[in-house]
N, C-alpha and C. Protein backbone atom coordinates (compact mmCIF):
# COMPACT_ATOMS: atom_id res chain seq x y z
N MET A 1 -3.78 32.80 13.34
CA MET A 1 -4.02 31.48 12.77
C MET A 1 -2.83 31.09 11.89
N ASP A 2 -2.45 29.82 11.97
CA ASP A 2 -1.39 29.31 11.10
C ASP A 2 -1.93 29.16 9.68
N ALA A 3 -1.24 29.72 8.70
CA ALA A 3 -1.72 29.72 7.31
C ALA A 3 -1.93 28.31 6.76
N TYR A 4 -1.12 27.33 7.19
CA TYR A 4 -1.29 25.98 6.66
C TYR A 4 -2.65 25.40 7.00
N ARG A 5 -3.30 25.90 8.04
CA ARG A 5 -4.64 25.42 8.42
C ARG A 5 -5.69 25.78 7.37
N LEU A 6 -5.37 26.70 6.47
CA LEU A 6 -6.30 27.07 5.41
C LEU A 6 -6.49 25.92 4.41
N LEU A 7 -5.61 24.92 4.44
CA LEU A 7 -5.72 23.76 3.55
C LEU A 7 -6.57 22.63 4.16
N TYR A 8 -7.02 22.80 5.40
CA TYR A 8 -7.81 21.76 6.06
C TYR A 8 -9.28 21.93 5.70
N PRO A 9 -10.10 20.87 5.80
CA PRO A 9 -9.80 19.54 6.33
C PRO A 9 -8.93 18.73 5.36
N MET A 10 -8.12 17.86 5.96
CA MET A 10 -7.23 16.97 5.21
C MET A 10 -7.44 15.54 5.69
N ARG A 11 -7.25 14.60 4.79
CA ARG A 11 -7.30 13.20 5.18
C ARG A 11 -6.24 12.94 6.24
N THR A 12 -6.52 12.06 7.15
CA THR A 12 -5.59 11.67 8.20
C THR A 12 -5.16 10.23 7.97
N TYR A 13 -3.88 9.98 8.15
CA TYR A 13 -3.32 8.64 7.95
C TYR A 13 -2.50 8.25 9.16
N LEU A 14 -2.18 6.98 9.26
CA LEU A 14 -1.24 6.49 10.25
C LEU A 14 0.01 6.03 9.50
N ILE A 15 1.16 6.50 9.93
CA ILE A 15 2.43 6.12 9.31
C ILE A 15 3.11 5.11 10.23
N VAL A 16 3.32 3.91 9.71
CA VAL A 16 3.99 2.86 10.47
C VAL A 16 5.45 2.84 10.03
N SER A 17 6.35 2.73 11.01
CA SER A 17 7.78 2.69 10.72
C SER A 17 8.45 1.71 11.66
N GLY A 18 9.67 1.32 11.31
CA GLY A 18 10.45 0.44 12.18
C GLY A 18 10.14 -1.03 12.01
N HIS A 19 10.91 -1.84 12.73
CA HIS A 19 10.78 -3.30 12.67
C HIS A 19 10.69 -3.85 14.09
N GLY A 20 10.00 -4.95 14.25
CA GLY A 20 9.96 -5.66 15.53
C GLY A 20 9.58 -4.79 16.70
N GLU A 21 10.38 -4.85 17.77
CA GLU A 21 10.10 -4.08 18.98
C GLU A 21 10.24 -2.58 18.77
N GLU A 22 10.89 -2.18 17.70
CA GLU A 22 11.06 -0.76 17.39
C GLU A 22 9.89 -0.19 16.60
N ALA A 23 8.94 -1.01 16.21
CA ALA A 23 7.83 -0.52 15.38
C ALA A 23 7.12 0.64 16.07
N ASN A 24 6.70 1.60 15.26
CA ASN A 24 6.06 2.81 15.78
C ASN A 24 4.95 3.23 14.82
N VAL A 25 3.98 3.96 15.35
CA VAL A 25 2.88 4.48 14.55
C VAL A 25 2.72 5.96 14.87
N MET A 26 2.63 6.78 13.83
CA MET A 26 2.47 8.23 13.96
C MET A 26 1.28 8.66 13.11
N ALA A 27 0.48 9.59 13.60
CA ALA A 27 -0.59 10.17 12.78
C ALA A 27 0.01 11.24 11.88
N ALA A 28 -0.49 11.32 10.65
CA ALA A 28 0.01 12.33 9.70
C ALA A 28 -1.10 12.77 8.75
N ASP A 29 -1.18 14.06 8.55
CA ASP A 29 -2.11 14.62 7.57
C ASP A 29 -1.38 14.97 6.28
N TRP A 30 -0.10 15.25 6.36
CA TRP A 30 0.66 15.75 5.22
C TRP A 30 1.21 14.59 4.41
N VAL A 31 0.30 13.93 3.69
CA VAL A 31 0.59 12.76 2.86
C VAL A 31 -0.07 13.00 1.50
N THR A 32 0.62 12.66 0.41
CA THR A 32 0.01 12.84 -0.90
C THR A 32 0.59 11.89 -1.94
N ILE A 33 -0.16 11.68 -3.01
CA ILE A 33 0.31 10.91 -4.17
C ILE A 33 1.23 11.82 -4.98
N LEU A 34 2.36 11.29 -5.41
CA LEU A 34 3.31 12.06 -6.21
C LEU A 34 3.40 11.59 -7.65
N SER A 35 3.13 10.31 -7.89
CA SER A 35 3.24 9.77 -9.24
C SER A 35 2.35 8.54 -9.35
N HIS A 36 1.81 8.35 -10.54
CA HIS A 36 1.01 7.16 -10.82
C HIS A 36 1.89 6.01 -11.31
N GLU A 37 2.87 6.33 -12.19
CA GLU A 37 3.75 5.30 -12.77
C GLU A 37 5.19 5.77 -12.74
N PRO A 38 6.01 5.31 -11.86
CA PRO A 38 5.65 4.35 -10.82
C PRO A 38 4.84 5.03 -9.72
N PHE A 39 4.06 4.24 -9.00
CA PHE A 39 3.23 4.75 -7.93
C PHE A 39 4.12 5.19 -6.77
N MET A 40 4.07 6.49 -6.45
CA MET A 40 4.87 7.05 -5.36
C MET A 40 4.00 7.94 -4.49
N VAL A 41 4.29 7.92 -3.20
CA VAL A 41 3.62 8.80 -2.25
C VAL A 41 4.69 9.54 -1.45
N GLY A 42 4.29 10.67 -0.88
CA GLY A 42 5.19 11.44 -0.03
C GLY A 42 4.55 11.71 1.30
N VAL A 43 5.39 11.81 2.33
CA VAL A 43 4.92 12.15 3.67
C VAL A 43 5.93 13.10 4.31
N ALA A 44 5.42 14.14 4.96
CA ALA A 44 6.26 15.09 5.67
C ALA A 44 6.34 14.68 7.13
N VAL A 45 7.58 14.54 7.64
CA VAL A 45 7.79 14.12 9.03
C VAL A 45 8.85 15.03 9.65
N SER A 46 8.57 15.55 10.82
CA SER A 46 9.53 16.40 11.53
C SER A 46 10.71 15.56 12.01
N PRO A 47 11.93 16.08 11.88
CA PRO A 47 13.10 15.37 12.41
C PRO A 47 13.03 15.15 13.93
N LYS A 48 12.13 15.86 14.61
CA LYS A 48 11.95 15.68 16.06
C LYS A 48 11.21 14.38 16.39
N ARG A 49 10.58 13.79 15.41
CA ARG A 49 9.74 12.60 15.64
C ARG A 49 10.55 11.32 15.60
N TYR A 50 10.16 10.39 16.46
CA TYR A 50 10.78 9.06 16.49
C TYR A 50 10.61 8.37 15.13
N THR A 51 9.46 8.58 14.50
CA THR A 51 9.18 8.02 13.18
C THR A 51 10.24 8.45 12.17
N HIS A 52 10.69 9.69 12.24
CA HIS A 52 11.71 10.19 11.33
C HIS A 52 12.97 9.34 11.44
N ARG A 53 13.39 9.06 12.65
CA ARG A 53 14.58 8.25 12.88
C ARG A 53 14.41 6.85 12.28
N LEU A 54 13.24 6.24 12.48
CA LEU A 54 13.00 4.89 11.98
C LEU A 54 12.93 4.83 10.46
N ILE A 55 12.26 5.79 9.83
CA ILE A 55 12.19 5.81 8.37
C ILE A 55 13.59 6.03 7.80
N SER A 56 14.35 6.91 8.41
CA SER A 56 15.72 7.18 7.95
C SER A 56 16.59 5.92 8.07
N ARG A 57 16.41 5.15 9.12
CA ARG A 57 17.23 3.96 9.35
C ARG A 57 16.82 2.80 8.43
N TYR A 58 15.53 2.51 8.35
CA TYR A 58 15.07 1.32 7.62
C TYR A 58 14.68 1.57 6.17
N LYS A 59 14.54 2.83 5.79
CA LYS A 59 14.25 3.20 4.39
C LYS A 59 12.94 2.61 3.87
N GLU A 60 11.96 2.52 4.75
CA GLU A 60 10.62 2.07 4.35
C GLU A 60 9.60 2.56 5.37
N PHE A 61 8.33 2.57 4.94
CA PHE A 61 7.23 2.95 5.83
C PHE A 61 5.93 2.45 5.23
N VAL A 62 4.89 2.42 6.04
CA VAL A 62 3.56 2.03 5.59
C VAL A 62 2.61 3.20 5.86
N VAL A 63 1.80 3.54 4.87
CA VAL A 63 0.73 4.51 5.05
C VAL A 63 -0.54 3.70 5.28
N SER A 64 -1.08 3.78 6.51
CA SER A 64 -2.31 3.06 6.84
C SER A 64 -3.47 4.04 6.82
N VAL A 65 -4.59 3.60 6.28
CA VAL A 65 -5.78 4.43 6.13
C VAL A 65 -6.76 4.07 7.25
N PRO A 66 -6.91 4.95 8.25
CA PRO A 66 -7.81 4.65 9.36
C PRO A 66 -9.26 5.02 9.05
N SER A 67 -10.16 4.42 9.80
CA SER A 67 -11.57 4.79 9.73
C SER A 67 -11.93 5.56 11.00
N LEU A 68 -13.13 6.09 11.02
CA LEU A 68 -13.62 6.79 12.21
C LEU A 68 -13.58 5.88 13.43
N ASP A 69 -13.78 4.59 13.22
CA ASP A 69 -13.74 3.63 14.33
C ASP A 69 -12.37 3.58 15.00
N MET A 70 -11.34 4.08 14.34
CA MET A 70 -9.98 4.08 14.87
C MET A 70 -9.57 5.43 15.46
N LEU A 71 -10.54 6.32 15.67
CA LEU A 71 -10.22 7.69 16.10
C LEU A 71 -9.39 7.73 17.38
N LYS A 72 -9.70 6.92 18.37
CA LYS A 72 -8.93 6.91 19.62
C LYS A 72 -7.47 6.56 19.33
N ASP A 73 -7.24 5.58 18.47
CA ASP A 73 -5.88 5.19 18.11
C ASP A 73 -5.16 6.30 17.34
N VAL A 74 -5.87 6.96 16.45
CA VAL A 74 -5.29 8.08 15.69
C VAL A 74 -4.86 9.18 16.66
N TRP A 75 -5.71 9.46 17.65
CA TRP A 75 -5.39 10.51 18.62
C TRP A 75 -4.14 10.14 19.43
N ILE A 76 -4.06 8.92 19.90
CA ILE A 76 -2.88 8.47 20.65
C ILE A 76 -1.64 8.56 19.77
N ALA A 77 -1.74 8.07 18.53
CA ALA A 77 -0.60 8.09 17.61
C ALA A 77 -0.15 9.51 17.31
N GLY A 78 -1.06 10.46 17.34
CA GLY A 78 -0.73 11.84 17.00
C GLY A 78 -0.30 12.70 18.17
N THR A 79 -0.55 12.24 19.39
CA THR A 79 -0.24 13.08 20.55
C THR A 79 0.82 12.49 21.47
N LYS A 80 1.19 11.24 21.28
CA LYS A 80 2.21 10.61 22.11
C LYS A 80 3.38 10.17 21.24
N SER A 81 4.54 10.01 21.86
CA SER A 81 5.74 9.67 21.10
C SER A 81 6.33 8.34 21.53
N GLY A 82 6.94 7.66 20.56
CA GLY A 82 7.67 6.44 20.85
C GLY A 82 6.81 5.19 20.83
N PRO A 83 7.46 4.03 20.74
CA PRO A 83 6.74 2.76 20.60
C PRO A 83 5.94 2.34 21.82
N SER A 84 6.19 2.95 22.99
CA SER A 84 5.43 2.56 24.19
C SER A 84 3.94 2.90 24.04
N LYS A 85 3.61 3.86 23.18
CA LYS A 85 2.20 4.23 22.98
C LYS A 85 1.39 3.09 22.36
N LEU A 86 2.08 2.15 21.69
CA LEU A 86 1.36 1.02 21.07
C LEU A 86 0.61 0.20 22.11
N LYS A 87 1.09 0.19 23.36
CA LYS A 87 0.41 -0.54 24.44
C LYS A 87 -0.94 0.08 24.77
N GLU A 88 -1.10 1.38 24.48
CA GLU A 88 -2.36 2.07 24.74
C GLU A 88 -3.34 1.96 23.57
N MET A 89 -2.83 1.56 22.43
CA MET A 89 -3.64 1.53 21.22
C MET A 89 -4.31 0.16 21.03
N SER A 90 -5.42 0.16 20.30
CA SER A 90 -6.17 -1.06 20.04
C SER A 90 -5.93 -1.57 18.63
N ILE A 91 -4.70 -1.43 18.15
CA ILE A 91 -4.39 -1.88 16.80
C ILE A 91 -3.59 -3.18 16.86
N THR A 92 -3.62 -3.90 15.76
CA THR A 92 -2.87 -5.14 15.63
C THR A 92 -1.88 -4.96 14.48
N LEU A 93 -0.59 -5.05 14.80
CA LEU A 93 0.42 -4.98 13.75
C LEU A 93 0.57 -6.36 13.13
N VAL A 94 0.49 -6.40 11.80
CA VAL A 94 0.58 -7.66 11.06
C VAL A 94 1.65 -7.53 9.99
N PRO A 95 2.19 -8.67 9.51
CA PRO A 95 3.20 -8.58 8.45
C PRO A 95 2.66 -7.90 7.20
N SER A 96 3.49 -7.07 6.61
CA SER A 96 3.15 -6.45 5.32
C SER A 96 3.43 -7.47 4.22
N THR A 97 3.00 -7.17 3.00
CA THR A 97 3.15 -8.13 1.91
C THR A 97 4.53 -8.10 1.28
N LYS A 98 5.22 -6.92 1.28
CA LYS A 98 6.48 -6.77 0.54
C LYS A 98 7.63 -6.18 1.34
N ILE A 99 7.36 -5.61 2.51
CA ILE A 99 8.42 -4.98 3.30
C ILE A 99 8.39 -5.50 4.73
N GLU A 100 9.45 -5.19 5.48
CA GLU A 100 9.56 -5.65 6.87
C GLU A 100 8.73 -4.83 7.84
N THR A 101 8.50 -3.56 7.53
CA THR A 101 7.68 -2.71 8.40
C THR A 101 6.26 -3.28 8.41
N PRO A 102 5.66 -3.44 9.60
CA PRO A 102 4.32 -4.04 9.66
C PRO A 102 3.22 -3.11 9.16
N SER A 103 2.07 -3.71 8.90
CA SER A 103 0.85 -2.99 8.54
C SER A 103 -0.11 -3.05 9.73
N ILE A 104 -1.22 -2.32 9.62
CA ILE A 104 -2.23 -2.30 10.68
C ILE A 104 -3.45 -3.09 10.22
N LYS A 105 -3.75 -4.15 10.92
CA LYS A 105 -4.86 -5.05 10.55
C LYS A 105 -6.19 -4.31 10.47
N GLU A 106 -6.47 -3.41 11.40
CA GLU A 106 -7.76 -2.74 11.48
C GLU A 106 -7.93 -1.62 10.45
N ALA A 107 -6.86 -1.23 9.77
CA ALA A 107 -6.91 -0.12 8.80
C ALA A 107 -7.74 -0.52 7.57
N LEU A 108 -8.31 0.48 6.92
CA LEU A 108 -9.06 0.25 5.70
C LEU A 108 -8.13 -0.13 4.56
N ALA A 109 -6.88 0.34 4.61
CA ALA A 109 -5.87 0.00 3.61
C ALA A 109 -4.49 0.23 4.20
N ASN A 110 -3.51 -0.46 3.66
CA ASN A 110 -2.11 -0.29 4.02
C ASN A 110 -1.30 -0.20 2.73
N ILE A 111 -0.52 0.86 2.60
CA ILE A 111 0.28 1.10 1.41
C ILE A 111 1.75 1.02 1.81
N GLU A 112 2.45 0.03 1.28
CA GLU A 112 3.83 -0.26 1.66
C GLU A 112 4.80 0.47 0.75
N CYS A 113 5.72 1.21 1.36
CA CYS A 113 6.61 2.08 0.59
C CYS A 113 8.08 1.84 0.92
N LYS A 114 8.90 1.87 -0.12
CA LYS A 114 10.36 1.87 0.01
C LYS A 114 10.81 3.30 -0.28
N VAL A 115 11.62 3.88 0.63
CA VAL A 115 12.07 5.25 0.46
C VAL A 115 13.03 5.35 -0.73
N ILE A 116 12.71 6.26 -1.65
CA ILE A 116 13.60 6.50 -2.80
C ILE A 116 14.21 7.89 -2.76
N ASP A 117 13.71 8.74 -1.86
CA ASP A 117 14.28 10.08 -1.73
C ASP A 117 13.84 10.66 -0.39
N ALA A 118 14.64 11.54 0.15
CA ALA A 118 14.32 12.27 1.38
C ALA A 118 15.00 13.62 1.30
N ARG A 119 14.23 14.68 1.46
CA ARG A 119 14.78 16.04 1.38
C ARG A 119 14.18 16.88 2.49
N ASP A 120 15.00 17.74 3.03
CA ASP A 120 14.54 18.65 4.07
C ASP A 120 13.96 19.90 3.44
N TYR A 121 12.76 20.26 3.92
CA TYR A 121 12.10 21.49 3.52
C TYR A 121 11.63 22.16 4.81
N GLY A 122 12.23 23.29 5.13
CA GLY A 122 11.86 23.98 6.37
C GLY A 122 12.09 23.08 7.56
N ASP A 123 11.05 22.92 8.38
CA ASP A 123 11.18 22.13 9.61
C ASP A 123 10.73 20.68 9.46
N HIS A 124 10.56 20.18 8.22
CA HIS A 124 10.16 18.79 7.99
C HIS A 124 11.03 18.15 6.91
N THR A 125 11.07 16.83 6.94
CA THR A 125 11.70 16.07 5.87
C THR A 125 10.58 15.47 5.03
N TRP A 126 10.71 15.59 3.72
CA TRP A 126 9.76 15.02 2.79
C TRP A 126 10.32 13.67 2.35
N PHE A 127 9.69 12.59 2.82
CA PHE A 127 10.09 11.25 2.43
C PHE A 127 9.26 10.83 1.24
N VAL A 128 9.92 10.42 0.16
CA VAL A 128 9.24 9.91 -1.02
C VAL A 128 9.37 8.39 -1.01
N GLY A 129 8.23 7.72 -1.08
CA GLY A 129 8.24 6.27 -1.09
C GLY A 129 7.64 5.71 -2.36
N GLU A 130 8.34 4.75 -2.96
CA GLU A 130 7.76 4.03 -4.08
C GLU A 130 6.90 2.91 -3.49
N VAL A 131 5.66 2.83 -3.94
CA VAL A 131 4.74 1.83 -3.42
C VAL A 131 5.11 0.48 -4.02
N VAL A 132 5.40 -0.48 -3.13
CA VAL A 132 5.83 -1.81 -3.57
C VAL A 132 4.81 -2.89 -3.20
N GLY A 133 3.85 -2.55 -2.38
CA GLY A 133 2.82 -3.52 -1.98
C GLY A 133 1.68 -2.81 -1.28
N TRP A 134 0.57 -3.51 -1.16
CA TRP A 134 -0.58 -2.93 -0.48
C TRP A 134 -1.55 -4.04 -0.09
N SER A 135 -2.43 -3.69 0.84
CA SER A 135 -3.53 -4.56 1.25
C SER A 135 -4.69 -3.64 1.60
N TYR A 136 -5.92 -4.17 1.52
CA TYR A 136 -7.06 -3.33 1.82
C TYR A 136 -8.28 -4.16 2.17
N ASP A 137 -9.21 -3.52 2.85
CA ASP A 137 -10.49 -4.10 3.20
C ASP A 137 -11.39 -4.00 1.97
N GLU A 138 -11.77 -5.13 1.41
CA GLU A 138 -12.56 -5.11 0.17
C GLU A 138 -13.90 -4.42 0.34
N GLY A 139 -14.45 -4.42 1.55
CA GLY A 139 -15.71 -3.72 1.80
C GLY A 139 -15.56 -2.21 1.77
N ALA A 140 -14.35 -1.72 1.99
CA ALA A 140 -14.10 -0.28 2.00
C ALA A 140 -13.82 0.27 0.60
N PHE A 141 -13.55 -0.62 -0.33
CA PHE A 141 -13.26 -0.21 -1.71
C PHE A 141 -14.01 -1.13 -2.65
N LYS A 142 -15.04 -0.57 -3.31
CA LYS A 142 -15.87 -1.37 -4.22
C LYS A 142 -15.76 -0.81 -5.63
N ASN A 143 -15.53 -1.68 -6.58
CA ASN A 143 -15.43 -1.27 -7.99
C ASN A 143 -14.40 -0.17 -8.20
N GLY A 144 -13.29 -0.26 -7.48
CA GLY A 144 -12.21 0.71 -7.64
C GLY A 144 -12.47 2.07 -7.02
N LYS A 145 -13.52 2.17 -6.19
CA LYS A 145 -13.86 3.44 -5.55
C LYS A 145 -13.99 3.23 -4.04
N PRO A 146 -13.72 4.29 -3.26
CA PRO A 146 -13.93 4.16 -1.82
C PRO A 146 -15.42 4.05 -1.50
N ASN A 147 -15.75 3.17 -0.59
CA ASN A 147 -17.12 3.04 -0.09
C ASN A 147 -17.24 3.98 1.10
N LEU A 148 -17.94 5.07 0.96
CA LEU A 148 -18.00 6.09 2.00
C LEU A 148 -18.64 5.59 3.28
N LYS A 149 -19.35 4.48 3.22
CA LYS A 149 -19.90 3.89 4.43
C LYS A 149 -18.80 3.36 5.35
N ALA A 150 -17.58 3.23 4.84
CA ALA A 150 -16.45 2.75 5.64
C ALA A 150 -15.94 3.83 6.60
N LYS A 151 -16.43 5.05 6.49
CA LYS A 151 -16.11 6.15 7.40
C LYS A 151 -14.63 6.55 7.37
N PHE A 152 -14.14 6.90 6.17
CA PHE A 152 -12.79 7.42 6.03
C PHE A 152 -12.65 8.68 6.89
N LEU A 153 -11.49 8.87 7.47
CA LEU A 153 -11.28 9.93 8.45
C LEU A 153 -10.55 11.13 7.85
N ALA A 154 -10.98 12.32 8.24
CA ALA A 154 -10.29 13.56 7.86
C ALA A 154 -10.14 14.43 9.10
N HIS A 155 -9.07 15.20 9.13
CA HIS A 155 -8.75 16.08 10.25
C HIS A 155 -9.23 17.48 9.90
N ALA A 156 -10.13 18.04 10.70
CA ALA A 156 -10.68 19.36 10.42
C ALA A 156 -9.93 20.46 11.17
N ALA A 157 -9.59 20.21 12.42
CA ALA A 157 -8.87 21.17 13.27
C ALA A 157 -8.23 20.36 14.39
N TRP A 158 -7.54 21.01 15.30
CA TRP A 158 -6.73 20.33 16.32
C TRP A 158 -7.41 19.08 16.89
N THR A 159 -8.58 19.21 17.51
CA THR A 159 -9.25 18.06 18.13
C THR A 159 -10.47 17.60 17.34
N ASP A 160 -10.70 18.18 16.18
CA ASP A 160 -11.90 17.90 15.41
C ASP A 160 -11.60 17.04 14.18
N PHE A 161 -12.37 15.97 14.05
CA PHE A 161 -12.24 15.07 12.91
C PHE A 161 -13.61 14.92 12.27
N VAL A 162 -13.62 14.62 10.99
CA VAL A 162 -14.87 14.42 10.26
C VAL A 162 -14.73 13.17 9.40
N THR A 163 -15.85 12.72 8.92
CA THR A 163 -15.86 11.65 7.93
C THR A 163 -16.66 12.18 6.74
N PHE A 164 -16.76 11.40 5.71
CA PHE A 164 -17.39 11.87 4.49
C PHE A 164 -18.85 11.42 4.43
N GLU A 165 -19.71 12.31 3.96
CA GLU A 165 -21.11 11.93 3.81
C GLU A 165 -21.25 11.00 2.61
N GLU A 166 -22.32 10.27 2.59
CA GLU A 166 -22.51 9.28 1.53
C GLU A 166 -23.12 9.86 0.27
N LYS A 167 -23.52 11.11 0.28
CA LYS A 167 -24.10 11.73 -0.90
C LYS A 167 -22.98 12.04 -1.89
N ILE A 168 -23.16 11.65 -3.11
CA ILE A 168 -22.17 11.89 -4.17
C ILE A 168 -22.68 13.03 -5.06
N TYR A 169 -21.80 13.99 -5.31
CA TYR A 169 -22.10 15.09 -6.22
C TYR A 169 -21.25 14.88 -7.47
N ARG A 170 -21.86 14.86 -8.60
CA ARG A 170 -21.13 14.63 -9.84
C ARG A 170 -21.00 15.93 -10.63
N ALA A 171 -19.84 16.10 -11.25
CA ALA A 171 -19.59 17.30 -12.05
C ALA A 171 -20.19 17.15 -13.43
């Protein structure tokens, strides 16, 4: 077993990169918040990926938050390469609020990032993005909290995905 699998289940995201006809979408689990002020997120992308080339060229990306309803699109984005896969997906790319890279209309949220750093660690590049804009489905986020009825997606194992139950446990 690969040791990194001991950290799963992990939230699954869609990373949008590129502009116009070059736009691409990749599934990614290795995404995290790095700073609150300024708001920064990081994503690990293999240099073998088309997304890596686009983020390196345009210096921006969007982290889109998919729901369980988008599972087929997440699977396509995670198992196929290049912008031609967008023809197989049921997503709509729409203008972002602050950057040229598009957002995904069907996503629960879109977080727009400008790359402020990129470093190679092992077989991946860690792209750090400062969040410069965002959009979200108001029904998926109520009173500053995620609405678990929106079916946020997490990756449990290679072909297995889960969503979160609606029961809240308080500490």
